[in-house]
Protein backbone atom coordinates (compact mmCIF):
# COMPACT_ATOMS: atom_id res chain seq x y z
CA MET A 1 0.00 0.00 0.00
CA ASN A 2 1.82 3.05 -1.30
CA ARG A 3 -0.07 5.48 0.94
CA PRO A 4 -0.41 6.30 4.64
CA ARG A 5 -2.74 4.38 6.94
CA VAL A 6 -5.76 6.66 7.40
CA VAL A 7 -7.69 6.94 10.67
CA CYS A 8 -10.89 9.01 10.61
CA HIS A 9 -11.22 10.39 14.17
CA ILE A 10 -14.51 12.17 14.92
CA LEU A 11 -16.49 13.49 17.89
CA SER A 12 -20.22 13.64 17.19
CA SER A 13 -23.57 14.08 18.90
CA LEU A 14 -26.07 11.22 19.20
CA ASP A 15 -27.63 12.32 15.90
CA GLY A 16 -24.31 12.32 14.08
CA ARG A 17 -23.65 16.09 14.07
CA ILE A 18 -20.06 17.32 14.26
CA ASP A 19 -20.87 21.00 14.69
CA GLY A 20 -23.39 22.93 16.79
CA ASP A 21 -24.18 24.55 20.11
CA PHE A 22 -24.07 21.17 21.85
CA PHE A 23 -20.27 21.52 21.94
CA MET A 24 -20.78 24.08 24.72
CA LEU A 25 -22.52 21.57 26.99
CA PRO A 26 -20.38 20.22 29.88
CA GLU A 27 -20.78 16.62 28.67
CA THR A 28 -19.39 17.50 25.23
CA MET A 29 -16.60 19.67 26.61
CA GLU A 30 -15.41 16.78 28.80
CA LEU A 31 -15.42 14.43 25.82
CA SER A 32 -13.65 17.03 23.67
CA ARG A 33 -10.70 16.86 26.06
CA ARG A 34 -10.71 13.05 25.83
CA TYR A 35 -11.03 13.30 22.04
CA ALA A 36 -7.89 15.48 21.91
CA GLN A 37 -6.03 13.08 24.19
CA ILE A 38 -6.91 10.12 21.98
CA ARG A 39 -5.79 12.08 18.92
CA LYS A 40 -2.35 12.43 20.51
CA GLU A 41 -2.30 8.76 21.47
CA TYR A 42 -2.71 7.76 17.82
CA ASN A 43 0.53 9.72 17.20
CA CYS A 44 -0.14 10.16 13.49
CA ASP A 45 2.43 11.87 11.28
CA ALA A 46 -0.20 14.22 9.85
CA ILE A 47 -3.70 15.52 10.39
CA LEU A 48 -5.88 16.31 7.36
CA ASN A 49 -8.91 18.59 7.16
CA GLY A 50 -11.09 20.22 4.56
CA ALA A 51 -11.14 23.99 4.05
CA THR A 52 -14.09 24.66 6.38
CA THR A 53 -12.38 22.92 9.30
CA CYS A 54 -8.96 24.37 8.47
CA VAL A 55 -10.22 27.94 8.65
CA GLU A 56 -11.39 27.22 12.20
CA ILE A 57 -8.19 25.63 13.53
CA PHE A 58 -5.21 26.43 11.26
CA ALA A 59 -5.70 29.19 8.68
CA ASP A 60 -5.91 32.94 9.26
CA GLY A 61 -9.36 33.26 7.71
CA TYR A 62 -10.63 33.32 4.14
CA ILE A 63 -9.08 35.37 1.35
CA GLU A 64 -11.34 38.19 0.22
CA SER A 65 -9.28 39.27 -2.79
CA LEU A 66 -5.85 38.72 -4.30
CA PRO A 67 -3.58 41.20 -6.07
CA LYS A 68 -3.18 40.82 -9.81
CA CYS A 69 -0.51 38.30 -10.74
CA ASP A 70 1.29 38.49 -14.09
CA GLU A 71 3.61 35.58 -13.32
CA ARG A 72 2.70 32.11 -14.57
CA PHE A 73 3.48 29.07 -12.44
CA ASP A 74 3.88 25.44 -13.46
CA CYS A 75 1.80 22.87 -11.57
CA ALA A 76 4.85 21.69 -9.67
CA ASP A 77 4.80 20.63 -6.04
CA GLU A 78 6.59 22.91 -3.56
CA ILE A 79 7.91 21.72 -0.18
CA ALA A 80 9.21 24.30 2.29
CA GLN A 81 12.28 23.44 4.36
CA ILE A 82 10.83 23.38 7.87
CA ASP A 83 12.33 21.40 10.73
CA LEU A 84 9.08 19.82 11.93
CA THR A 85 7.97 16.19 11.90
CA LYS A 86 4.20 16.75 12.07
CA TYR A 87 2.08 17.98 9.15
CA ALA A 88 -1.27 19.76 8.91
CA VAL A 89 -2.64 18.88 5.48
CA CYS A 90 -5.30 21.32 4.27
CA VAL A 91 -7.48 20.37 1.30
CA ASP A 92 -8.47 23.65 -0.33
CA THR A 93 -8.55 23.10 -4.07
CA LYS A 94 -10.42 26.38 -4.70
CA GLY A 95 -7.79 28.56 -3.03
CA THR A 96 -9.90 30.15 -0.31
CA LEU A 97 -7.63 29.99 2.74
CA LEU A 98 -5.58 32.95 3.96
CA TRP A 99 -2.11 32.24 5.38
CA ASN A 100 0.32 34.43 7.27
CA SER A 101 2.58 31.60 8.48
CA ASN A 102 3.68 28.22 7.18
CA THR A 103 3.36 26.57 10.60
CA ALA A 104 0.48 26.27 13.06
CA THR A 105 -0.03 25.03 16.60
CA ARG A 106 -2.88 22.85 17.83
CA GLY A 107 -3.14 21.08 21.16
CA GLY A 108 0.42 22.01 22.07
CA GLU A 109 1.86 20.49 18.87
CA GLU A 110 3.40 22.48 16.03
CA TYR A 111 2.60 21.51 12.45
CA HIS A 112 4.14 22.12 9.04
CA ILE A 113 1.30 23.41 6.82
CA VAL A 114 0.78 21.59 3.50
CA GLN A 115 -1.99 22.72 1.16
CA ILE A 116 -3.55 20.41 -1.43
CA LEU A 117 -4.44 22.00 -4.77
CA THR A 118 -5.80 20.99 -8.16
CA GLU A 119 -4.24 22.17 -11.38
CA ASP A 120 -6.98 24.70 -12.15
CA ILE A 121 -5.89 26.91 -9.23
CA SER A 122 -5.14 30.54 -10.06
CA ASP A 123 -1.60 31.86 -10.40
CA ALA A 124 -2.54 34.62 -7.96
CA TYR A 125 -3.26 32.05 -5.25
CA ILE A 126 -0.02 30.17 -5.89
CA ALA A 127 1.78 33.50 -5.52
CA HIS A 128 0.06 33.96 -2.14
CA LEU A 129 1.27 30.53 -0.99
CA ARG A 130 4.82 31.15 -2.22
CA GLU A 131 4.95 34.58 -0.58
CA ASN A 132 4.15 32.97 2.78
CA GLY A 133 6.36 29.91 2.34
CA ILE A 134 3.44 27.47 2.30
CA SER A 135 4.12 23.95 1.05
CA TYR A 136 1.67 22.71 -1.57
CA LEU A 137 0.99 19.56 -3.57
CA PHE A 138 -1.11 19.10 -6.70
CA ALA A 139 -3.57 16.20 -6.77
CA GLY A 140 -5.87 16.21 -9.79
CA LYS A 141 -6.64 18.51 -12.72
CA ASP A 142 -9.99 20.02 -11.72
CA ALA A 143 -11.15 17.60 -9.00
CA LEU A 144 -9.35 16.15 -6.00
CA ASP A 145 -7.57 12.85 -6.69
CA ILE A 146 -7.39 11.33 -3.20
CA PRO A 147 -5.22 8.28 -4.04
CA LEU A 148 -2.70 10.54 -5.82
CA MET A 149 -2.67 12.95 -2.88
CA LEU A 150 -2.03 10.14 -0.41
CA GLN A 151 0.70 8.70 -2.61
CA LYS A 152 2.47 12.07 -2.70
CA LEU A 153 2.16 12.53 1.08
CA TYR A 154 3.67 9.07 1.51
CA GLU A 155 6.52 9.46 -0.98
CA LYS A 156 7.42 13.14 -0.70
CA LEU A 157 6.86 13.74 3.03
CA ASN A 158 7.30 10.23 4.44
CA ILE A 159 3.84 10.35 6.06
CA ARG A 160 2.99 6.82 7.17
CA THR A 161 -0.08 7.46 9.35
CA LEU A 162 -2.62 10.20 8.70
CA MET A 163 -5.55 11.36 10.83
CA LEU A 164 -8.64 12.54 8.95
CA SER A 165 -10.92 14.66 11.11
CA GLY A 166 -13.45 16.41 8.91
CA GLY A 167 -15.47 18.03 7.79
CA GLY A 168 -18.17 15.68 6.66
CA ALA A 169 -17.64 16.22 2.92
CA ILE A 170 -13.95 15.35 2.95
CA ASN A 171 -14.66 12.35 5.21
CA TRP A 172 -17.24 11.11 2.69
CA SER A 173 -14.85 11.64 -0.22
CA PHE A 174 -12.19 9.51 1.49
CA LEU A 175 -14.75 6.83 2.30
CA GLN A 176 -15.96 6.68 -1.30
CA ALA A 177 -12.36 6.44 -2.50
CA GLY A 178 -11.79 3.42 -0.24
CA CYS A 179 -9.12 5.32 1.64
CA ILE A 180 -10.28 5.07 5.27
CA ASP A 181 -8.69 2.21 7.22
CA GLU A 182 -10.28 2.88 10.61
CA LEU A 183 -13.14 5.00 11.93
CA SER A 184 -12.62 6.21 15.51
CA LEU A 185 -15.98 7.64 16.53
CA ILE A 186 -16.61 9.24 19.91
CA VAL A 187 -20.32 9.81 20.53
CA ALA A 188 -21.36 12.43 23.08
CA PRO A 189 -24.64 11.89 24.99
CA VAL A 190 -26.14 15.11 23.58
CA THR A 191 -28.23 16.42 20.69
CA ASP A 192 -29.64 19.76 19.58
CA GLY A 193 -31.93 18.62 16.76
CA LEU A 194 -30.36 20.78 14.06
CA THR A 195 -31.05 19.61 10.53
CA ASP A 196 -28.57 21.81 8.65
CA ALA A 197 -25.37 21.08 10.62
CA ALA A 198 -22.45 19.05 9.28
CA THR A 199 -22.45 15.33 10.02
CA THR A 200 -19.71 12.71 10.24
CA PHE A 201 -20.18 11.91 6.55
CA ASP A 202 -21.80 14.41 4.17
CA ARG A 203 -22.37 13.89 0.48
CA SER A 204 -21.80 17.24 -1.19
CA PRO A 205 -24.26 18.29 -3.92
CA PHE A 206 -21.21 18.85 -6.12
CA MET A 207 -20.16 15.20 -5.83
CA SER A 208 -21.34 12.40 -8.04
CA ASP A 209 -23.74 9.92 -6.50
CA GLY A 210 -22.01 7.75 -3.92
CA ILE A 211 -22.69 4.24 -2.70
CA PRO A 212 -23.59 3.20 0.86
CA VAL A 213 -20.74 1.74 2.91
CA SER A 214 -21.05 -0.80 5.72
CA PHE A 215 -18.66 -1.12 8.67
CA THR A 216 -17.44 -3.84 11.00
CA LEU A 217 -17.34 -2.96 14.70
CA LYS A 218 -13.91 -3.74 16.14
CA GLU A 219 -14.17 -2.24 19.63
CA ALA A 220 -16.60 -0.34 21.84
CA LYS A 221 -15.73 1.44 25.09
CA ARG A 222 -17.68 3.54 27.55
CA ILE A 223 -15.80 6.77 28.31
CA ASN A 224 -16.48 9.70 30.65
CA ASN A 225 -19.51 7.95 32.16
CA ASN A 226 -22.03 8.46 29.33
CA GLY A 227 -19.96 8.73 26.16
CA VAL A 228 -18.93 5.85 23.91
CA TRP A 229 -15.83 5.29 21.77
CA LEU A 230 -16.48 3.07 18.77
CA LYS A 231 -13.82 1.68 16.46
CA TYR A 232 -14.96 0.50 13.05
CA THR A 233 -13.34 -0.84 9.89
CA PRO A 234 -15.05 -0.03 6.56
CA ASN A 235 -16.06 -3.11 4.60
CA LYS A 236 -14.42 -2.84 1.20
């Protein structure tokens, strides 16, 4: 397998939501701390998120506008020389994320930022990444090629284990590509009934029709009194 082992690690409500006001409840806040601890225990080489999640935890916001760029760039991968062993991989093929630094800290760990692009990205956005020393890899012409991305992360950055932690659309894309090896799902004993919040797996309206996926339960644990930690393997 010429790609990293991928663990999808998610904290959700009873109704499968991964975002909402229920995160402010004491029960969820306690499990959030346990969720972060388990993330460290997996000790993955990289953590990967979609653009919506990255803007919340790594990026400096969204780009509103870019200066005109007359330079033309080849679709060649660029790896910054940063003395860090952990990577934050940000899938943002449309070039929406704003960066002021090529490293970021989460949970006391410092990460080397790597952005994933497709070849239809604008030269102006590549110039923004180069100006801020951001590493970037191309994976696909006009749509994300997940197997190619994982192969490049494996071969170019020596990433052997990768943690996927949302949002729901990127989780679903990995699942449909057959590129999730384990689902680590922590379920909080809460719900808020929202119908428009992100879920563990979301099929984007821009994606082609997907197929249902079944899982095999490998382990179940009760944690923090009323929460559960479920480990599943997708059936391929």
